[in-house]
Amino acid sequence: MKSAITAAVLVGMAASFAQAQSAPIAFRMAASDANLAGCRSLDAELSRVHSVTLQGDTALLKLAGGNSETLKQTGPGIYTTVFALSGVRLDVVANSASSPRTLVVTEKNRGCRWDATAK
């Protein structure tokens, strides 16, 4: 009887973990105060709510405008990708291991940066 209860608890914990991994994490980006005027052209697109859904060794970033990007795991709880938005190359780092969870988008040529913590 004890082994059946233990097995049921373990199955429930595993299902709960899988459910938590697949639940989207919502982020609202905010521009860095240090951003130059040239960075502000992306503020409207990046300052909306975006979500990251963990999927094992990848994560799916859904941008508010409807675009999606796949992030690859580069460390425990760290997911990264590079993509273009309005012709600008952006580096993205989602950290699901930190507390609170964070999402950082940078444009390295001009030093632009947008940050968010999980809602």
PDB file of N, CA and C in Angstrom:
ATOM      1  N   MET A   1       0.814  -1.191   0.000  1.00  0.00           N
ATOM      2  CA  MET A   1       0.000   0.000   0.000  1.00  0.00           C
ATOM      3  C   MET A   1       0.862   1.260   0.000  1.00  0.00           C
ATOM      4  N   LYS A   2       1.936   1.266   0.837  1.00  0.00           N
ATOM      5  CA  LYS A   2       2.812   2.425   0.900  1.00  0.00           C
ATOM      6  C   LYS A   2       3.479   2.689  -0.445  1.00  0.00           C
ATOM      7  N   SER A   3       3.884   1.611  -1.139  1.00  0.00           N
ATOM      8  CA  SER A   3       4.549   1.810  -2.429  1.00  0.00           C
ATOM      9  C   SER A   3       3.582   2.368  -3.468  1.00  0.00           C
ATOM     10  N   ALA A   4       2.313   2.012  -3.399  1.00  0.00           N
ATOM     11  CA  ALA A   4       1.317   2.544  -4.331  1.00  0.00           C
ATOM     12  C   ALA A   4       1.099   4.033  -4.072  1.00  0.00           C
ATOM     13  N   ILE A   5       1.067   4.415  -2.799  1.00  0.00           N
ATOM     14  CA  ILE A   5       0.883   5.829  -2.449  1.00  0.00           C
ATOM     15  C   ILE A   5       2.116   6.627  -2.876  1.00  0.00           C
ATOM     16  N   THR A   6       3.299   6.081  -2.611  1.00  0.00           N
ATOM     17  CA  THR A   6       4.541   6.748  -3.015  1.00  0.00           C
ATOM     18  C   THR A   6       4.581   6.927  -4.523  1.00  0.00           C
ATOM     19  N   ALA A   7       4.204   5.885  -5.260  1.00  0.00           N
ATOM     20  CA  ALA A   7       4.200   5.965  -6.719  1.00  0.00           C
ATOM     21  C   ALA A   7       3.213   7.027  -7.190  1.00  0.00           C
ATOM     22  N   ALA A   8       2.047   7.091  -6.577  1.00  0.00           N
ATOM     23  CA  ALA A   8       1.035   8.078  -6.954  1.00  0.00           C
ATOM     24  C   ALA A   8       1.541   9.497  -6.691  1.00  0.00           C
ATOM     25  N   VAL A   9       2.220   9.691  -5.549  1.00  0.00           N
ATOM     26  CA  VAL A   9       2.766  11.004  -5.222  1.00  0.00           C
ATOM     27  C   VAL A   9       3.836  11.401  -6.235  1.00  0.00           C
ATOM     28  N   LEU A  10       4.725  10.459  -6.588  1.00  0.00           N
ATOM     29  CA  LEU A  10       5.779  10.748  -7.560  1.00  0.00           C
ATOM     30  C   LEU A  10       5.210  11.070  -8.931  1.00  0.00           C
ATOM     31  N   VAL A  11       4.188  10.330  -9.352  1.00  0.00           N
ATOM     32  CA  VAL A  11       3.544  10.607 -10.637  1.00  0.00           C
ATOM     33  C   VAL A  11       2.905  11.988 -10.602  1.00  0.00           C
ATOM     34  N   GLY A  12       2.260  12.330  -9.509  1.00  0.00           N
ATOM     35  CA  GLY A  12       1.645  13.647  -9.365  1.00  0.00           C
ATOM     36  C   GLY A  12       2.671  14.755  -9.400  1.00  0.00           C
ATOM     37  N   MET A  13       3.820  14.551  -8.747  1.00  0.00           N
ATOM     38  CA  MET A  13       4.883  15.545  -8.754  1.00  0.00           C
ATOM     39  C   MET A  13       5.446  15.713 -10.152  1.00  0.00           C
ATOM     40  N   ALA A  14       5.651  14.611 -10.864  1.00  0.00           N
ATOM     41  CA  ALA A  14       6.178  14.680 -12.233  1.00  0.00           C
ATOM     42  C   ALA A  14       5.199  15.399 -13.145  1.00  0.00           C
ATOM     43  N   ALA A  15       3.918  15.104 -13.004  1.00  0.00           N
ATOM     44  CA  ALA A  15       2.906  15.777 -13.818  1.00  0.00           C
ATOM     45  C   ALA A  15       2.853  17.257 -13.496  1.00  0.00           C
ATOM     46  N   SER A  16       2.987  17.595 -12.223  1.00  0.00           N
ATOM     47  CA  SER A  16       2.985  19.001 -11.812  1.00  0.00           C
ATOM     48  C   SER A  16       4.184  19.728 -12.397  1.00  0.00           C
ATOM     49  N   PHE A  17       5.363  19.092 -12.378  1.00  0.00           N
ATOM     50  CA  PHE A  17       6.567  19.701 -12.947  1.00  0.00           C
ATOM     51  C   PHE A  17       6.404  19.894 -14.444  1.00  0.00           C
ATOM     52  N   ALA A  18       5.871  18.891 -15.151  1.00  0.00           N
ATOM     53  CA  ALA A  18       5.665  19.006 -16.590  1.00  0.00           C
ATOM     54  C   ALA A  18       4.684  20.129 -16.893  1.00  0.00           C
ATOM     55  N   GLN A  19       3.647  20.242 -16.094  1.00  0.00           N
ATOM     56  CA  GLN A  19       2.657  21.312 -16.275  1.00  0.00           C
ATOM     57  C   GLN A  19       3.307  22.669 -16.071  1.00  0.00           C
ATOM     58  N   ALA A  20       4.159  22.792 -15.042  1.00  0.00           N
ATOM     59  CA  ALA A  20       4.819  24.058 -14.760  1.00  0.00           C
ATOM     60  C   ALA A  20       5.782  24.420 -15.876  1.00  0.00           C
ATOM     61  N   GLN A  21       6.447  23.417 -16.478  1.00  0.00           N
ATOM     62  CA  GLN A  21       7.375  23.692 -17.557  1.00  0.00           C
ATOM     63  C   GLN A  21       6.652  24.198 -18.789  1.00  0.00           C
ATOM     64  N   SER A  22       5.440  23.715 -19.038  1.00  0.00           N
ATOM     65  CA  SER A  22       4.749  24.101 -20.258  1.00  0.00           C
ATOM     66  C   SER A  22       3.890  25.360 -20.082  1.00  0.00           C
ATOM     67  N   ALA A  23       3.783  25.880 -18.874  1.00  0.00           N
ATOM     68  CA  ALA A  23       3.000  27.097 -18.646  1.00  0.00           C
ATOM     69  C   ALA A  23       3.806  28.306 -19.134  1.00  0.00           C
ATOM     70  N   PRO A  24       3.214  29.176 -19.959  1.00  0.00           N
ATOM     71  CA  PRO A  24       3.943  30.354 -20.436  1.00  0.00           C
ATOM     72  C   PRO A  24       4.326  31.288 -19.285  1.00  0.00           C
ATOM     73  N   ILE A  25       5.508  31.860 -19.381  1.00  0.00           N
ATOM     74  CA  ILE A  25       5.989  32.851 -18.424  1.00  0.00           C
ATOM     75  C   ILE A  25       5.832  34.208 -19.110  1.00  0.00           C
ATOM     76  N   ALA A  26       5.044  35.103 -18.533  1.00  0.00           N
ATOM     77  CA  ALA A  26       4.773  36.405 -19.148  1.00  0.00           C
ATOM     78  C   ALA A  26       5.797  37.442 -18.700  1.00  0.00           C
ATOM     79  N   PHE A  27       6.253  38.255 -19.660  1.00  0.00           N
ATOM     80  CA  PHE A  27       7.220  39.317 -19.404  1.00  0.00           C
ATOM     81  C   PHE A  27       6.744  40.595 -20.089  1.00  0.00           C
ATOM     82  N   ARG A  28       6.886  41.734 -19.418  1.00  0.00           N
ATOM     83  CA  ARG A  28       6.676  43.036 -20.066  1.00  0.00           C
ATOM     84  C   ARG A  28       8.025  43.735 -20.087  1.00  0.00           C
ATOM     85  N   MET A  29       8.545  43.958 -21.290  1.00  0.00           N
ATOM     86  CA  MET A  29       9.862  44.549 -21.463  1.00  0.00           C
ATOM     87  C   MET A  29       9.827  46.045 -21.145  1.00  0.00           C
ATOM     88  N   ALA A  30      10.955  46.559 -20.672  1.00  0.00           N
ATOM     89  CA  ALA A  30      11.132  47.991 -20.435  1.00  0.00           C
ATOM     90  C   ALA A  30      12.504  48.381 -20.967  1.00  0.00           C
ATOM     91  N   ALA A  31      12.562  49.494 -21.661  1.00  0.00           N
ATOM     92  CA  ALA A  31      13.827  49.979 -22.217  1.00  0.00           C
ATOM     93  C   ALA A  31      14.744  50.470 -21.101  1.00  0.00           C
ATOM     94  N   SER A  32      16.032  50.278 -21.299  1.00  0.00           N
ATOM     95  CA  SER A  32      17.020  50.798 -20.363  1.00  0.00           C
ATOM     96  C   SER A  32      17.043  52.323 -20.455  1.00  0.00           C
ATOM     97  N   ASP A  33      17.238  52.978 -19.332  1.00  0.00           N
ATOM     98  CA  ASP A  33      17.353  54.439 -19.311  1.00  0.00           C
ATOM     99  C   ASP A  33      18.576  54.919 -20.097  1.00  0.00           C
ATOM    100  N   ALA A  34      19.563  54.038 -20.258  1.00  0.00           N
ATOM    101  CA  ALA A  34      20.792  54.402 -20.958  1.00  0.00           C
ATOM    102  C   ALA A  34      20.676  54.258 -22.478  1.00  0.00           C
ATOM    103  N   ASN A  35      19.540  53.764 -22.984  1.00  0.00           N
ATOM    104  CA  ASN A  35      19.380  53.593 -24.431  1.00  0.00           C
ATOM    105  C   ASN A  35      19.486  54.937 -25.153  1.00  0.00           C
ATOM    106  N   LEU A  36      20.194  54.922 -26.277  1.00  0.00           N
ATOM    107  CA  LEU A  36      20.303  56.100 -27.128  1.00  0.00           C
ATOM    108  C   LEU A  36      18.997  56.311 -27.886  1.00  0.00           C
ATOM    109  N   ALA A  37      18.845  57.468 -28.488  1.00  0.00           N
ATOM    110  CA  ALA A  37      17.626  57.772 -29.243  1.00  0.00           C
ATOM    111  C   ALA A  37      17.392  56.755 -30.357  1.00  0.00           C
ATOM    112  N   GLY A  38      18.458  56.247 -30.986  1.00  0.00           N
ATOM    113  CA  GLY A  38      18.325  55.267 -32.059  1.00  0.00           C
ATOM    114  C   GLY A  38      17.718  53.949 -31.609  1.00  0.00           C
ATOM    115  N   CYS A  39      17.770  53.673 -30.339  1.00  0.00           N
ATOM    116  CA  CYS A  39      17.202  52.436 -29.786  1.00  0.00           C
ATOM    117  C   CYS A  39      15.689  52.529 -29.651  1.00  0.00           C
ATOM    118  N   ARG A  40      15.204  53.717 -29.512  1.00  0.00           N
ATOM    119  CA  ARG A  40      13.789  53.923 -29.202  1.00  0.00           C
ATOM    120  C   ARG A  40      12.839  53.477 -30.309  1.00  0.00           C
ATOM    121  N   SER A  41      13.357  53.238 -31.508  1.00  0.00           N
ATOM    122  CA  SER A  41      12.487  52.801 -32.606  1.00  0.00           C
ATOM    123  C   SER A  41      11.868  51.428 -32.332  1.00  0.00           C
ATOM    124  N   LEU A  42      12.476  50.649 -31.455  1.00  0.00           N
ATOM    125  CA  LEU A  42      11.944  49.318 -31.127  1.00  0.00           C
ATOM    126  C   LEU A  42      11.133  49.305 -29.833  1.00  0.00           C
ATOM    127  N   ASP A  43      11.084  50.419 -29.120  1.00  0.00           N
ATOM    128  CA  ASP A  43      10.381  50.463 -27.833  1.00  0.00           C
ATOM    129  C   ASP A  43       8.924  50.014 -27.939  1.00  0.00           C
ATOM    130  N   ALA A  44       8.217  50.495 -28.946  1.00  0.00           N
ATOM    131  CA  ALA A  44       6.794  50.162 -29.064  1.00  0.00           C
ATOM    132  C   ALA A  44       6.579  48.664 -29.237  1.00  0.00           C
ATOM    133  N   GLU A  45       7.443  48.012 -30.030  1.00  0.00           N
ATOM    134  CA  GLU A  45       7.289  46.575 -30.258  1.00  0.00           C
ATOM    135  C   GLU A  45       7.735  45.747 -29.061  1.00  0.00           C
ATOM    136  N   LEU A  46       8.801  46.186 -28.404  1.00  0.00           N
ATOM    137  CA  LEU A  46       9.351  45.391 -27.311  1.00  0.00           C
ATOM    138  C   LEU A  46       8.699  45.664 -25.962  1.00  0.00           C
ATOM    139  N   SER A  47       8.006  46.781 -25.786  1.00  0.00           N
ATOM    140  CA  SER A  47       7.451  47.111 -24.470  1.00  0.00           C
ATOM    141  C   SER A  47       6.087  46.481 -24.216  1.00  0.00           C
ATOM    142  N   ARG A  48       5.672  45.551 -25.045  1.00  0.00           N
ATOM    143  CA  ARG A  48       4.420  44.826 -24.810  1.00  0.00           C
ATOM    144  C   ARG A  48       4.708  43.540 -24.029  1.00  0.00           C
ATOM    145  N   VAL A  49       3.658  42.797 -23.717  1.00  0.00           N
ATOM    146  CA  VAL A  49       3.827  41.535 -22.995  1.00  0.00           C
ATOM    147  C   VAL A  49       4.222  40.432 -23.976  1.00  0.00           C
ATOM    148  N   HIS A  50       5.300  39.740 -23.649  1.00  0.00           N
ATOM    149  CA  HIS A  50       5.791  38.600 -24.421  1.00  0.00           C
ATOM    150  C   HIS A  50       5.780  37.397 -23.489  1.00  0.00           C
ATOM    151  N   SER A  51       5.827  36.187 -24.060  1.00  0.00           N
ATOM    152  CA  SER A  51       5.836  35.004 -23.196  1.00  0.00           C
ATOM    153  C   SER A  51       6.927  34.043 -23.627  1.00  0.00           C
ATOM    154  N   VAL A  52       7.420  33.308 -22.650  1.00  0.00           N
ATOM    155  CA  VAL A  52       8.409  32.251 -22.874  1.00  0.00           C
ATOM    156  C   VAL A  52       7.825  30.976 -22.306  1.00  0.00           C
ATOM    157  N   THR A  53       7.787  29.938 -23.134  1.00  0.00           N
ATOM    158  CA  THR A  53       7.295  28.632 -22.701  1.00  0.00           C
ATOM    159  C   THR A  53       8.443  27.646 -22.763  1.00  0.00           C
ATOM    160  N   LEU A  54       8.799  27.072 -21.615  1.00  0.00           N
ATOM    161  CA  LEU A  54       9.895  26.106 -21.551  1.00  0.00           C
ATOM    162  C   LEU A  54       9.439  24.783 -22.137  1.00  0.00           C
ATOM    163  N   GLN A  55      10.327  24.192 -22.949  1.00  0.00           N
ATOM    164  CA  GLN A  55      10.010  22.919 -23.597  1.00  0.00           C
ATOM    165  C   GLN A  55      11.222  21.998 -23.545  1.00  0.00           C
ATOM    166  N   GLY A  56      11.640  21.622 -22.342  1.00  0.00           N
ATOM    167  CA  GLY A  56      12.819  20.764 -22.197  1.00  0.00           C
ATOM    168  C   GLY A  56      14.088  21.561 -22.438  1.00  0.00           C
ATOM    169  N   ASP A  57      14.861  21.184 -23.494  1.00  0.00           N
ATOM    170  CA  ASP A  57      16.108  21.891 -23.775  1.00  0.00           C
ATOM    171  C   ASP A  57      15.925  23.056 -24.745  1.00  0.00           C
ATOM    172  N   THR A  58      14.680  23.429 -25.011  1.00  0.00           N
ATOM    173  CA  THR A  58      14.377  24.617 -25.809  1.00  0.00           C
ATOM    174  C   THR A  58      13.280  25.408 -25.094  1.00  0.00           C
ATOM    175  N   ALA A  59      13.043  26.598 -25.583  1.00  0.00           N
ATOM    176  CA  ALA A  59      11.948  27.425 -25.073  1.00  0.00           C
ATOM    177  C   ALA A  59      11.372  28.180 -26.271  1.00  0.00           C
ATOM    178  N   LEU A  60      10.100  28.476 -26.205  1.00  0.00           N
ATOM    179  CA  LEU A  60       9.435  29.206 -27.277  1.00  0.00           C
ATOM    180  C   LEU A  60       9.132  30.615 -26.799  1.00  0.00           C
ATOM    181  N   LEU A  61       9.685  31.604 -27.507  1.00  0.00           N
ATOM    182  CA  LEU A  61       9.424  33.010 -27.217  1.00  0.00           C
ATOM    183  C   LEU A  61       8.330  33.466 -28.163  1.00  0.00           C
ATOM    184  N   LYS A  62       7.213  33.918 -27.600  1.00  0.00           N
ATOM    185  CA  LYS A  62       6.120  34.476 -28.407  1.00  0.00           C
ATOM    186  C   LYS A  62       6.105  35.975 -28.186  1.00  0.00           C
ATOM    187  N   LEU A  63       6.350  36.704 -29.262  1.00  0.00           N
ATOM    188  CA  LEU A  63       6.330  38.160 -29.201  1.00  0.00           C
ATOM    189  C   LEU A  63       4.900  38.649 -29.294  1.00  0.00           C
ATOM    190  N   ALA A  64       4.641  39.809 -28.743  1.00  0.00           N
ATOM    191  CA  ALA A  64       3.282  40.343 -28.714  1.00  0.00           C
ATOM    192  C   ALA A  64       2.706  40.522 -30.112  1.00  0.00           C
ATOM    193  N   GLY A  65       3.536  40.772 -31.107  1.00  0.00           N
ATOM    194  CA  GLY A  65       3.065  40.974 -32.468  1.00  0.00           C
ATOM    195  C   GLY A  65       2.699  39.694 -33.191  1.00  0.00           C
ATOM    196  N   GLY A  66       2.880  38.535 -32.552  1.00  0.00           N
ATOM    197  CA  GLY A  66       2.510  37.265 -33.155  1.00  0.00           C
ATOM    198  C   GLY A  66       3.682  36.435 -33.656  1.00  0.00           C
ATOM    199  N   ASN A  67       4.887  37.009 -33.721  1.00  0.00           N
ATOM    200  CA  ASN A  67       6.052  36.238 -34.143  1.00  0.00           C
ATOM    201  C   ASN A  67       6.503  35.313 -33.016  1.00  0.00           C
ATOM    202  N   SER A  68       7.121  34.194 -33.401  1.00  0.00           N
ATOM    203  CA  SER A  68       7.659  33.243 -32.429  1.00  0.00           C
ATOM    204  C   SER A  68       9.109  32.945 -32.766  1.00  0.00           C
ATOM    205  N   GLU A  69       9.900  32.704 -31.762  1.00  0.00           N
ATOM    206  CA  GLU A  69      11.301  32.337 -31.913  1.00  0.00           C
ATOM    207  C   GLU A  69      11.609  31.191 -30.959  1.00  0.00           C
ATOM    208  N   THR A  70      12.432  30.256 -31.409  1.00  0.00           N
ATOM    209  CA  THR A  70      12.866  29.154 -30.555  1.00  0.00           C
ATOM    210  C   THR A  70      14.190  29.515 -29.910  1.00  0.00           C
ATOM    211  N   LEU A  71      14.248  29.375 -28.591  1.00  0.00           N
ATOM    212  CA  LEU A  71      15.469  29.618 -27.837  1.00  0.00           C
ATOM    213  C   LEU A  71      16.086  28.266 -27.501  1.00  0.00           C
ATOM    214  N   LYS A  72      17.411  28.200 -27.503  1.00  0.00           N
ATOM    215  CA  LYS A  72      18.121  26.964 -27.161  1.00  0.00           C
ATOM    216  C   LYS A  72      18.719  27.096 -25.773  1.00  0.00           C
ATOM    217  N   GLN A  73      18.704  26.001 -25.042  1.00  0.00           N
ATOM    218  CA  GLN A  73      19.260  26.008 -23.693  1.00  0.00           C
ATOM    219  C   GLN A  73      20.778  26.056 -23.788  1.00  0.00           C
ATOM    220  N   THR A  74      21.388  27.031 -23.105  1.00  0.00           N
ATOM    221  CA  THR A  74      22.839  27.181 -23.111  1.00  0.00           C
ATOM    222  C   THR A  74      23.458  26.932 -21.743  1.00  0.00           C
ATOM    223  N   GLY A  75      22.619  26.743 -20.748  1.00  0.00           N
ATOM    224  CA  GLY A  75      23.046  26.464 -19.383  1.00  0.00           C
ATOM    225  C   GLY A  75      21.808  26.100 -18.592  1.00  0.00           C
ATOM    226  N   PRO A  76      21.966  25.680 -17.339  1.00  0.00           N
ATOM    227  CA  PRO A  76      20.794  25.320 -16.536  1.00  0.00           C
ATOM    228  C   PRO A  76      19.822  26.495 -16.404  1.00  0.00           C
ATOM    229  N   GLY A  77      18.673  26.374 -17.040  1.00  0.00           N
ATOM    230  CA  GLY A  77      17.648  27.402 -16.960  1.00  0.00           C
ATOM    231  C   GLY A  77      17.913  28.629 -17.811  1.00  0.00           C
ATOM    232  N   ILE A  78      18.959  28.626 -18.633  1.00  0.00           N
ATOM    233  CA  ILE A  78      19.312  29.760 -19.490  1.00  0.00           C
ATOM    234  C   ILE A  78      19.025  29.379 -20.945  1.00  0.00           C
ATOM    235  N   TYR A  79      18.241  30.226 -21.621  1.00  0.00           N
ATOM    236  CA  TYR A  79      17.845  29.989 -23.012  1.00  0.00           C
ATOM    237  C   TYR A  79      18.189  31.226 -23.827  1.00  0.00           C
ATOM    238  N   THR A  80      18.785  31.029 -25.027  1.00  0.00           N
ATOM    239  CA  THR A  80      19.204  32.158 -25.842  1.00  0.00           C
ATOM    240  C   THR A  80      18.802  31.985 -27.303  1.00  0.00           C
ATOM    241  N   THR A  81      18.719  33.111 -27.993  1.00  0.00           N
ATOM    242  CA  THR A  81      18.517  33.116 -29.440  1.00  0.00           C
ATOM    243  C   THR A  81      18.954  34.467 -29.973  1.00  0.00           C
ATOM    244  N   VAL A  82      19.108  34.524 -31.284  1.00  0.00           N
ATOM    245  CA  VAL A  82      19.376  35.769 -31.995  1.00  0.00           C
ATOM    246  C   VAL A  82      18.355  35.834 -33.113  1.00  0.00           C
ATOM    247  N   PHE A  83      17.687  36.986 -33.264  1.00  0.00           N
ATOM    248  CA  PHE A  83      16.740  37.151 -34.359  1.00  0.00           C
ATOM    249  C   PHE A  83      16.686  38.608 -34.772  1.00  0.00           C
ATOM    250  N   ALA A  84      16.029  38.862 -35.891  1.00  0.00           N
ATOM    251  CA  ALA A  84      15.910  40.227 -36.396  1.00  0.00           C
ATOM    252  C   ALA A  84      14.484  40.719 -36.201  1.00  0.00           C
ATOM    253  N   LEU A  85      14.367  41.951 -35.770  1.00  0.00           N
ATOM    254  CA  LEU A  85      13.075  42.611 -35.606  1.00  0.00           C
ATOM    255  C   LEU A  85      13.197  43.981 -36.263  1.00  0.00           C
ATOM    256  N   SER A  86      12.367  44.242 -37.252  1.00  0.00           N
ATOM    257  CA  SER A  86      12.424  45.496 -38.017  1.00  0.00           C
ATOM    258  C   SER A  86      13.826  45.737 -38.570  1.00  0.00           C
ATOM    259  N   GLY A  87      14.489  44.655 -38.990  1.00  0.00           N
ATOM    260  CA  GLY A  87      15.809  44.761 -39.585  1.00  0.00           C
ATOM    261  C   GLY A  87      16.948  44.933 -38.596  1.00  0.00           C
ATOM    262  N   VAL A  88      16.670  44.825 -37.310  1.00  0.00           N
ATOM    263  CA  VAL A  88      17.684  44.998 -36.273  1.00  0.00           C
ATOM    264  C   VAL A  88      17.967  43.643 -35.628  1.00  0.00           C
ATOM    265  N   ARG A  89      19.262  43.292 -35.510  1.00  0.00           N
ATOM    266  CA  ARG A  89      19.662  42.028 -34.877  1.00  0.00           C
ATOM    267  C   ARG A  89      19.551  42.175 -33.366  1.00  0.00           C
ATOM    268  N   LEU A  90      18.833  41.232 -32.754  1.00  0.00           N
ATOM    269  CA  LEU A  90      18.620  41.253 -31.310  1.00  0.00           C
ATOM    270  C   LEU A  90      19.078  39.943 -30.685  1.00  0.00           C
ATOM    271  N   ASP A  91      19.791  40.042 -29.575  1.00  0.00           N
ATOM    272  CA  ASP A  91      20.197  38.888 -28.793  1.00  0.00           C
ATOM    273  C   ASP A  91      19.249  38.776 -27.611  1.00  0.00           C
ATOM    274  N   VAL A  92      18.736  37.578 -27.382  1.00  0.00           N
ATOM    275  CA  VAL A  92      17.742  37.356 -26.333  1.00  0.00           C
ATOM    276  C   VAL A  92      18.275  36.322 -25.341  1.00  0.00           C
ATOM    277  N   VAL A  93      18.126  36.610 -24.058  1.00  0.00           N
ATOM    278  CA  VAL A  93      18.487  35.664 -22.997  1.00  0.00           C
ATOM    279  C   VAL A  93      17.311  35.578 -22.029  1.00  0.00           C
ATOM    280  N   ALA A  94      16.767  34.380 -21.893  1.00  0.00           N
ATOM    281  CA  ALA A  94      15.713  34.117 -20.911  1.00  0.00           C
ATOM    282  C   ALA A  94      16.340  33.288 -19.792  1.00  0.00           C
ATOM    283  N   ASN A  95      16.185  33.743 -18.561  1.00  0.00           N
ATOM    284  CA  ASN A  95      16.746  33.037 -17.412  1.00  0.00           C
ATOM    285  C   ASN A  95      15.602  32.561 -16.526  1.00  0.00           C
ATOM    286  N   SER A  96      15.312  31.255 -16.611  1.00  0.00           N
ATOM    287  CA  SER A  96      14.240  30.689 -15.797  1.00  0.00           C
ATOM    288  C   SER A  96      14.760  30.161 -14.466  1.00  0.00           C
ATOM    289  N   ALA A  97      16.089  30.193 -14.281  1.00  0.00           N
ATOM    290  CA  ALA A  97      16.685  29.694 -13.037  1.00  0.00           C
ATOM    291  C   ALA A  97      16.784  30.789 -11.980  1.00  0.00           C
ATOM    292  N   SER A  98      16.765  32.047 -12.404  1.00  0.00           N
ATOM    293  CA  SER A  98      16.880  33.137 -11.433  1.00  0.00           C
ATOM    294  C   SER A  98      15.530  33.404 -10.774  1.00  0.00           C
ATOM    295  N   SER A  99      15.577  34.113  -9.667  1.00  0.00           N
ATOM    296  CA  SER A  99      14.341  34.483  -9.001  1.00  0.00           C
ATOM    297  C   SER A  99      14.387  35.983  -8.727  1.00  0.00           C
ATOM    298  N   PRO A 100      13.587  36.774  -9.396  1.00  0.00           N
ATOM    299  CA  PRO A 100      12.561  36.387 -10.360  1.00  0.00           C
ATOM    300  C   PRO A 100      13.187  36.011 -11.707  1.00  0.00           C
ATOM    301  N   ARG A 101      12.403  35.327 -12.523  1.00  0.00           N
ATOM    302  CA  ARG A 101      12.855  34.955 -13.861  1.00  0.00           C
ATOM    303  C   ARG A 101      12.980  36.209 -14.711  1.00  0.00           C
ATOM    304  N   THR A 102      13.965  36.223 -15.608  1.00  0.00           N
ATOM    305  CA  THR A 102      14.236  37.428 -16.387  1.00  0.00           C
ATOM    306  C   THR A 102      14.279  37.151 -17.883  1.00  0.00           C
ATOM    307  N   LEU A 103      14.041  38.202 -18.641  1.00  0.00           N
ATOM    308  CA  LEU A 103      14.176  38.188 -20.090  1.00  0.00           C
ATOM    309  C   LEU A 103      14.928  39.461 -20.457  1.00  0.00           C
ATOM    310  N   VAL A 104      16.035  39.317 -21.202  1.00  0.00           N
ATOM    311  CA  VAL A 104      16.861  40.458 -21.591  1.00  0.00           C
ATOM    312  C   VAL A 104      17.050  40.422 -23.100  1.00  0.00           C
ATOM    313  N   VAL A 105      16.805  41.565 -23.736  1.00  0.00           N
ATOM    314  CA  VAL A 105      17.007  41.709 -25.177  1.00  0.00           C
ATOM    315  C   VAL A 105      18.033  42.819 -25.372  1.00  0.00           C
ATOM    316  N   THR A 106      19.069  42.543 -26.171  1.00  0.00           N
ATOM    317  CA  THR A 106      20.092  43.548 -26.434  1.00  0.00           C
ATOM    318  C   THR A 106      20.346  43.682 -27.926  1.00  0.00           C
ATOM    319  N   GLU A 107      20.716  44.886 -28.322  1.00  0.00           N
ATOM    320  CA  GLU A 107      21.183  45.177 -29.675  1.00  0.00           C
ATOM    321  C   GLU A 107      22.588  45.710 -29.468  1.00  0.00           C
ATOM    322  N   LYS A 108      23.586  44.919 -29.831  1.00  0.00           N
ATOM    323  CA  LYS A 108      24.953  45.201 -29.409  1.00  0.00           C
ATOM    324  C   LYS A 108      25.637  46.334 -30.160  1.00  0.00           C
ATOM    325  N   ASN A 109      25.245  46.634 -31.392  1.00  0.00           N
ATOM    326  CA  ASN A 109      25.928  47.692 -32.148  1.00  0.00           C
ATOM    327  C   ASN A 109      25.758  49.065 -31.508  1.00  0.00           C
ATOM    328  N   ARG A 110      24.565  49.365 -31.030  1.00  0.00           N
ATOM    329  CA  ARG A 110      24.304  50.677 -30.415  1.00  0.00           C
ATOM    330  C   ARG A 110      24.222  50.593 -28.898  1.00  0.00           C
ATOM    331  N   GLY A 111      24.310  49.394 -28.354  1.00  0.00           N
ATOM    332  CA  GLY A 111      24.241  49.239 -26.903  1.00  0.00           C
ATOM    333  C   GLY A 111      22.833  49.311 -26.344  1.00  0.00           C
ATOM    334  N   CYS A 112      21.839  48.979 -27.181  1.00  0.00           N
ATOM    335  CA  CYS A 112      20.444  49.032 -26.734  1.00  0.00           C
ATOM    336  C   CYS A 112      20.129  47.835 -25.841  1.00  0.00           C
ATOM    337  N   ARG A 113      19.248  48.047 -24.861  1.00  0.00           N
ATOM    338  CA  ARG A 113      18.889  46.973 -23.937  1.00  0.00           C
ATOM    339  C   ARG A 113      17.457  47.151 -23.438  1.00  0.00           C
ATOM    340  N   TRP A 114      16.744  46.032 -23.378  1.00  0.00           N
ATOM    341  CA  TRP A 114      15.408  45.990 -22.799  1.00  0.00           C
ATOM    342  C   TRP A 114      15.385  44.832 -21.819  1.00  0.00           C
ATOM    343  N   ASP A 115      14.796  45.039 -20.650  1.00  0.00           N
ATOM    344  CA  ASP A 115      14.759  44.035 -19.584  1.00  0.00           C
ATOM    345  C   ASP A 115      13.334  43.777 -19.134  1.00  0.00           C
ATOM    346  N   ALA A 116      13.133  42.580 -18.576  1.00  0.00           N
ATOM    347  CA  ALA A 116      11.845  42.268 -17.971  1.00  0.00           C
ATOM    348  C   ALA A 116      12.027  41.208 -16.902  1.00  0.00           C
ATOM    349  N   THR A 117      11.163  41.267 -15.903  1.00  0.00           N
ATOM    350  CA  THR A 117      11.075  40.185 -14.923  1.00  0.00           C
ATOM    351  C   THR A 117       9.690  39.568 -15.076  1.00  0.00           C
ATOM    352  N   ALA A 118       9.595  38.301 -14.708  1.00  0.00           N
ATOM    353  CA  ALA A 118       8.337  37.574 -14.864  1.00  0.00           C
ATOM    354  C   ALA A 118       7.238  38.242 -14.063  1.00  0.00           C
ATOM    355  N   LYS A 119       6.038  38.246 -14.638  1.00  0.00           N
ATOM    356  CA  LYS A 119       4.865  38.819 -13.972  1.00  0.00           C
ATOM    357  C   LYS A 119       4.366  37.872 -12.908  1.00  0.00           C
TER     358      LYS A 119
END
